[in-house]
Amino acid sequence: MTVSRIVRIAFSRFSGVVFGSVERKGRWRLPRFALLGVLFGDADIDMRKAEIGGPVITITAFVLFGNADFYAPTGVDIDLGGVTVFGHRREHGDDEPTPDAPLIRIRVYSMFGTSDVWRIAPETSGSFRELIRSVKERQRLKAG
């Protein structure tokens, strides 16, 4: 295996941010195992148009004084877990996976950090803020 292939594999499986923000969106390949590191930053990982690399995907995120938002397409199965100290880890949106849907495992280990999974239809458009607002509005209408 060449050094350039090793570097390409490492960077396709790892995203990180320090004192800033990172967005992963559009059409991209989501590998079977992926890592995310956030230190004093904000990460938006949009998987709605991603090519999922297998029946089970595992994303492991380490968040320290930051935020990680995951935008998952409706119809996939999400398993959110991990450990959060002084922060939160939440799921939003409809949780109705289709038969034979891929499983996306998201493991978040955070200290003084937050992490949210937003289930949003792939055809929905808008900024991340608008997408979050639409999910919150749907949840409010269902509750009331």
C-alpha atoms as a PDB file:
ATOM      1  CA  MET A   1       0.000   0.000   0.000  1.00  0.00           C
ATOM      2  CA  THR A   2       1.435   3.364  -0.997  1.00  0.00           C
ATOM      3  CA  VAL A   3       1.775   6.337   1.321  1.00  0.00           C
ATOM      4  CA  SER A   4      -0.616   8.408  -0.821  1.00  0.00           C
ATOM      5  CA  ARG A   5      -3.287   5.685  -0.527  1.00  0.00           C
ATOM      6  CA  ILE A   6      -2.861   5.536   3.254  1.00  0.00           C
ATOM      7  CA  VAL A   7      -3.175   9.340   3.495  1.00  0.00           C
ATOM      8  CA  ARG A   8      -6.252   9.336   1.208  1.00  0.00           C
ATOM      9  CA  ILE A   9      -7.923   6.625   3.311  1.00  0.00           C
ATOM     10  CA  ALA A  10      -7.131   8.454   6.573  1.00  0.00           C
ATOM     11  CA  PHE A  11      -8.558  11.759   5.343  1.00  0.00           C
ATOM     12  CA  SER A  12     -11.669  10.144   3.864  1.00  0.00           C
ATOM     13  CA  ARG A  13     -12.465   8.580   7.245  1.00  0.00           C
ATOM     14  CA  PHE A  14     -11.581  11.508   9.525  1.00  0.00           C
ATOM     15  CA  SER A  15     -13.017  15.009   9.817  1.00  0.00           C
ATOM     16  CA  GLY A  16     -11.984  17.452  12.465  1.00  0.00           C
ATOM     17  CA  VAL A  17     -12.216  21.037  13.587  1.00  0.00           C
ATOM     18  CA  VAL A  18     -10.316  23.140  16.111  1.00  0.00           C
ATOM     19  CA  PHE A  19     -11.553  26.675  16.926  1.00  0.00           C
ATOM     20  CA  GLY A  20     -13.798  26.839  13.854  1.00  0.00           C
ATOM     21  CA  SER A  21     -16.457  24.980  11.938  1.00  0.00           C
ATOM     22  CA  VAL A  22     -16.613  22.157   9.428  1.00  0.00           C
ATOM     23  CA  GLU A  23     -19.435  21.064   7.112  1.00  0.00           C
ATOM     24  CA  ARG A  24     -19.685  17.782   5.271  1.00  0.00           C
ATOM     25  CA  LYS A  25     -22.627  17.858   2.860  1.00  0.00           C
ATOM     26  CA  GLY A  26     -23.783  17.060  -0.638  1.00  0.00           C
ATOM     27  CA  ARG A  27     -22.818  13.855  -2.385  1.00  0.00           C
ATOM     28  CA  TRP A  28     -19.973  12.076  -0.614  1.00  0.00           C
ATOM     29  CA  ARG A  29     -19.035   8.540   0.352  1.00  0.00           C
ATOM     30  CA  LEU A  30     -19.655   7.648   3.977  1.00  0.00           C
ATOM     31  CA  PRO A  31     -17.190   4.871   4.879  1.00  0.00           C
ATOM     32  CA  ARG A  32     -18.075   1.957   7.141  1.00  0.00           C
ATOM     33  CA  PHE A  33     -16.016   3.523   9.945  1.00  0.00           C
ATOM     34  CA  ALA A  34     -15.578   7.285  10.350  1.00  0.00           C
ATOM     35  CA  LEU A  35     -14.096   9.545  13.009  1.00  0.00           C
ATOM     36  CA  LEU A  36     -14.983  13.110  13.925  1.00  0.00           C
ATOM     37  CA  GLY A  37     -13.015  15.341  16.279  1.00  0.00           C
ATOM     38  CA  VAL A  38     -14.324  18.680  17.548  1.00  0.00           C
ATOM     39  CA  LEU A  39     -12.336  20.964  19.858  1.00  0.00           C
ATOM     40  CA  PHE A  40     -13.861  24.394  20.548  1.00  0.00           C
ATOM     41  CA  GLY A  41     -15.751  24.174  17.273  1.00  0.00           C
ATOM     42  CA  ASP A  42     -18.884  23.236  15.382  1.00  0.00           C
ATOM     43  CA  ALA A  43     -19.370  20.295  13.003  1.00  0.00           C
ATOM     44  CA  ASP A  44     -22.335  19.772  10.667  1.00  0.00           C
ATOM     45  CA  ILE A  45     -22.342  16.301   9.084  1.00  0.00           C
ATOM     46  CA  ASP A  46     -25.097  15.986   6.472  1.00  0.00           C
ATOM     47  CA  MET A  47     -25.620  12.339   5.484  1.00  0.00           C
ATOM     48  CA  ARG A  48     -28.852  12.865   3.538  1.00  0.00           C
ATOM     49  CA  LYS A  49     -27.192  12.557   0.111  1.00  0.00           C
ATOM     50  CA  ALA A  50     -24.172  10.516   1.177  1.00  0.00           C
ATOM     51  CA  GLU A  51     -23.412   7.199  -0.437  1.00  0.00           C
ATOM     52  CA  ILE A  52     -23.555   4.749   2.453  1.00  0.00           C
ATOM     53  CA  GLY A  53     -20.702   2.231   2.262  1.00  0.00           C
ATOM     54  CA  GLY A  54     -22.437  -0.813   3.746  1.00  0.00           C
ATOM     55  CA  PRO A  55     -25.380  -2.129   5.763  1.00  0.00           C
ATOM     56  CA  VAL A  56     -23.834  -0.853   9.023  1.00  0.00           C
ATOM     57  CA  ILE A  57     -21.949   2.447   9.385  1.00  0.00           C
ATOM     58  CA  THR A  58     -20.211   3.564  12.572  1.00  0.00           C
ATOM     59  CA  ILE A  59     -19.338   7.196  13.239  1.00  0.00           C
ATOM     60  CA  THR A  60     -17.331   7.903  16.370  1.00  0.00           C
ATOM     61  CA  ALA A  61     -17.206  11.539  17.481  1.00  0.00           C
ATOM     62  CA  PHE A  62     -15.056  13.109  20.175  1.00  0.00           C
ATOM     63  CA  VAL A  63     -16.346  16.539  21.218  1.00  0.00           C
ATOM     64  CA  LEU A  64     -14.639  18.844  23.713  1.00  0.00           C
ATOM     65  CA  PHE A  65     -16.216  22.292  24.216  1.00  0.00           C
ATOM     66  CA  GLY A  66     -18.056  22.083  20.913  1.00  0.00           C
ATOM     67  CA  ASN A  67     -21.060  20.919  18.960  1.00  0.00           C
ATOM     68  CA  ALA A  68     -21.697  18.124  16.458  1.00  0.00           C
ATOM     69  CA  ASP A  69     -24.927  17.983  14.456  1.00  0.00           C
ATOM     70  CA  PHE A  70     -25.733  14.960  12.291  1.00  0.00           C
ATOM     71  CA  TYR A  71     -28.395  15.264   9.571  1.00  0.00           C
ATOM     72  CA  ALA A  72     -29.669  11.776   8.749  1.00  0.00           C
ATOM     73  CA  PRO A  73     -32.087  10.900   5.964  1.00  0.00           C
ATOM     74  CA  THR A  74     -35.489   9.656   7.014  1.00  0.00           C
ATOM     75  CA  GLY A  75     -35.922   5.913   6.605  1.00  0.00           C
ATOM     76  CA  VAL A  76     -32.506   4.845   7.939  1.00  0.00           C
ATOM     77  CA  ASP A  77     -32.034   3.229  11.324  1.00  0.00           C
ATOM     78  CA  ILE A  78     -30.056   5.366  13.797  1.00  0.00           C
ATOM     79  CA  ASP A  79     -28.396   4.031  16.955  1.00  0.00           C
ATOM     80  CA  LEU A  80     -27.147   6.977  19.040  1.00  0.00           C
ATOM     81  CA  GLY A  81     -24.964   6.281  22.052  1.00  0.00           C
ATOM     82  CA  GLY A  82     -21.865   7.317  23.922  1.00  0.00           C
ATOM     83  CA  VAL A  83     -21.022   9.371  26.993  1.00  0.00           C
ATOM     84  CA  THR A  84     -21.781  13.049  27.571  1.00  0.00           C
ATOM     85  CA  VAL A  85     -20.492  15.082  30.518  1.00  0.00           C
ATOM     86  CA  PHE A  86     -21.924  18.604  30.918  1.00  0.00           C
ATOM     87  CA  GLY A  87     -23.832  18.762  27.657  1.00  0.00           C
ATOM     88  CA  HIS A  88     -26.511  16.854  25.793  1.00  0.00           C
ATOM     89  CA  ARG A  89     -26.992  14.152  23.171  1.00  0.00           C
ATOM     90  CA  ARG A  90     -30.450  14.145  21.509  1.00  0.00           C
ATOM     91  CA  GLU A  91     -32.424  12.828  18.553  1.00  0.00           C
ATOM     92  CA  HIS A  92     -35.065  14.802  16.648  1.00  0.00           C
ATOM     93  CA  GLY A  93     -37.536  13.909  13.918  1.00  0.00           C
ATOM     94  CA  ASP A  94     -39.493  10.835  12.891  1.00  0.00           C
ATOM     95  CA  ASP A  95     -37.902   7.478  13.674  1.00  0.00           C
ATOM     96  CA  GLU A  96     -39.459   5.038  11.206  1.00  0.00           C
ATOM     97  CA  PRO A  97     -36.766   3.041   9.398  1.00  0.00           C
ATOM     98  CA  THR A  98     -37.760   1.240   6.222  1.00  0.00           C
ATOM     99  CA  PRO A  99     -37.269  -2.526   5.895  1.00  0.00           C
ATOM    100  CA  ASP A 100     -33.680  -3.383   4.943  1.00  0.00           C
ATOM    101  CA  ALA A 101     -32.611   0.151   5.898  1.00  0.00           C
ATOM    102  CA  PRO A 102     -28.939   0.663   6.673  1.00  0.00           C
ATOM    103  CA  LEU A 103     -27.968   1.139  10.311  1.00  0.00           C
ATOM    104  CA  ILE A 104     -25.958   4.230  11.208  1.00  0.00           C
ATOM    105  CA  ARG A 105     -24.324   3.924  14.619  1.00  0.00           C
ATOM    106  CA  ILE A 106     -23.287   7.267  16.035  1.00  0.00           C
ATOM    107  CA  ARG A 107     -21.118   7.144  19.141  1.00  0.00           C
ATOM    108  CA  VAL A 108     -20.474  10.520  20.746  1.00  0.00           C
ATOM    109  CA  TYR A 109     -18.031  11.029  23.590  1.00  0.00           C
ATOM    110  CA  SER A 110     -18.232  14.615  24.760  1.00  0.00           C
ATOM    111  CA  MET A 111     -17.262  16.865  27.607  1.00  0.00           C
ATOM    112  CA  PHE A 112     -18.840  20.312  27.722  1.00  0.00           C
ATOM    113  CA  GLY A 113     -20.286  19.543  24.300  1.00  0.00           C
ATOM    114  CA  THR A 114     -23.568  18.917  22.554  1.00  0.00           C
ATOM    115  CA  SER A 115     -24.641  16.528  19.863  1.00  0.00           C
ATOM    116  CA  ASP A 116     -27.929  16.277  17.972  1.00  0.00           C
ATOM    117  CA  VAL A 117     -29.233  13.940  15.286  1.00  0.00           C
ATOM    118  CA  TRP A 118     -31.797  15.527  12.961  1.00  0.00           C
ATOM    119  CA  ARG A 119     -33.878  13.181  10.767  1.00  0.00           C
ATOM    120  CA  ILE A 120     -34.741  15.100   7.615  1.00  0.00           C
ATOM    121  CA  ALA A 121     -36.013  13.974   4.208  1.00  0.00           C
ATOM    122  CA  PRO A 122     -33.223  14.063   1.582  1.00  0.00           C
ATOM    123  CA  GLU A 123     -35.259  16.284  -0.762  1.00  0.00           C
ATOM    124  CA  THR A 124     -35.724  18.998   1.889  1.00  0.00           C
ATOM    125  CA  SER A 125     -33.619  22.048   1.128  1.00  0.00           C
ATOM    126  CA  GLY A 126     -32.445  25.061   3.083  1.00  0.00           C
ATOM    127  CA  SER A 127     -29.672  26.099   5.403  1.00  0.00           C
ATOM    128  CA  PHE A 128     -28.893  23.941   8.427  1.00  0.00           C
ATOM    129  CA  ARG A 129     -30.666  26.511  10.610  1.00  0.00           C
ATOM    130  CA  GLU A 130     -33.805  26.311   8.414  1.00  0.00           C
ATOM    131  CA  LEU A 131     -33.733  22.499   8.463  1.00  0.00           C
ATOM    132  CA  ILE A 132     -33.508  22.451  12.267  1.00  0.00           C
ATOM    133  CA  ARG A 133     -36.328  24.980  12.534  1.00  0.00           C
ATOM    134  CA  SER A 134     -38.578  22.832  10.309  1.00  0.00           C
ATOM    135  CA  VAL A 135     -37.986  19.711  12.443  1.00  0.00           C
ATOM    136  CA  LYS A 136     -38.688  21.635  15.654  1.00  0.00           C
ATOM    137  CA  GLU A 137     -41.877  23.089  14.160  1.00  0.00           C
ATOM    138  CA  ARG A 138     -43.096  19.594  13.119  1.00  0.00           C
ATOM    139  CA  GLN A 139     -42.410  18.297  16.632  1.00  0.00           C
ATOM    140  CA  ARG A 140     -44.281  21.246  18.147  1.00  0.00           C
ATOM    141  CA  LEU A 141     -47.303  20.644  15.883  1.00  0.00           C
ATOM    142  CA  LYS A 142     -47.360  16.930  16.787  1.00  0.00           C
ATOM    143  CA  ALA A 143     -47.256  17.711  20.514  1.00  0.00           C
ATOM    144  CA  GLY A 144     -49.968  20.371  20.363  1.00  0.00           C
END
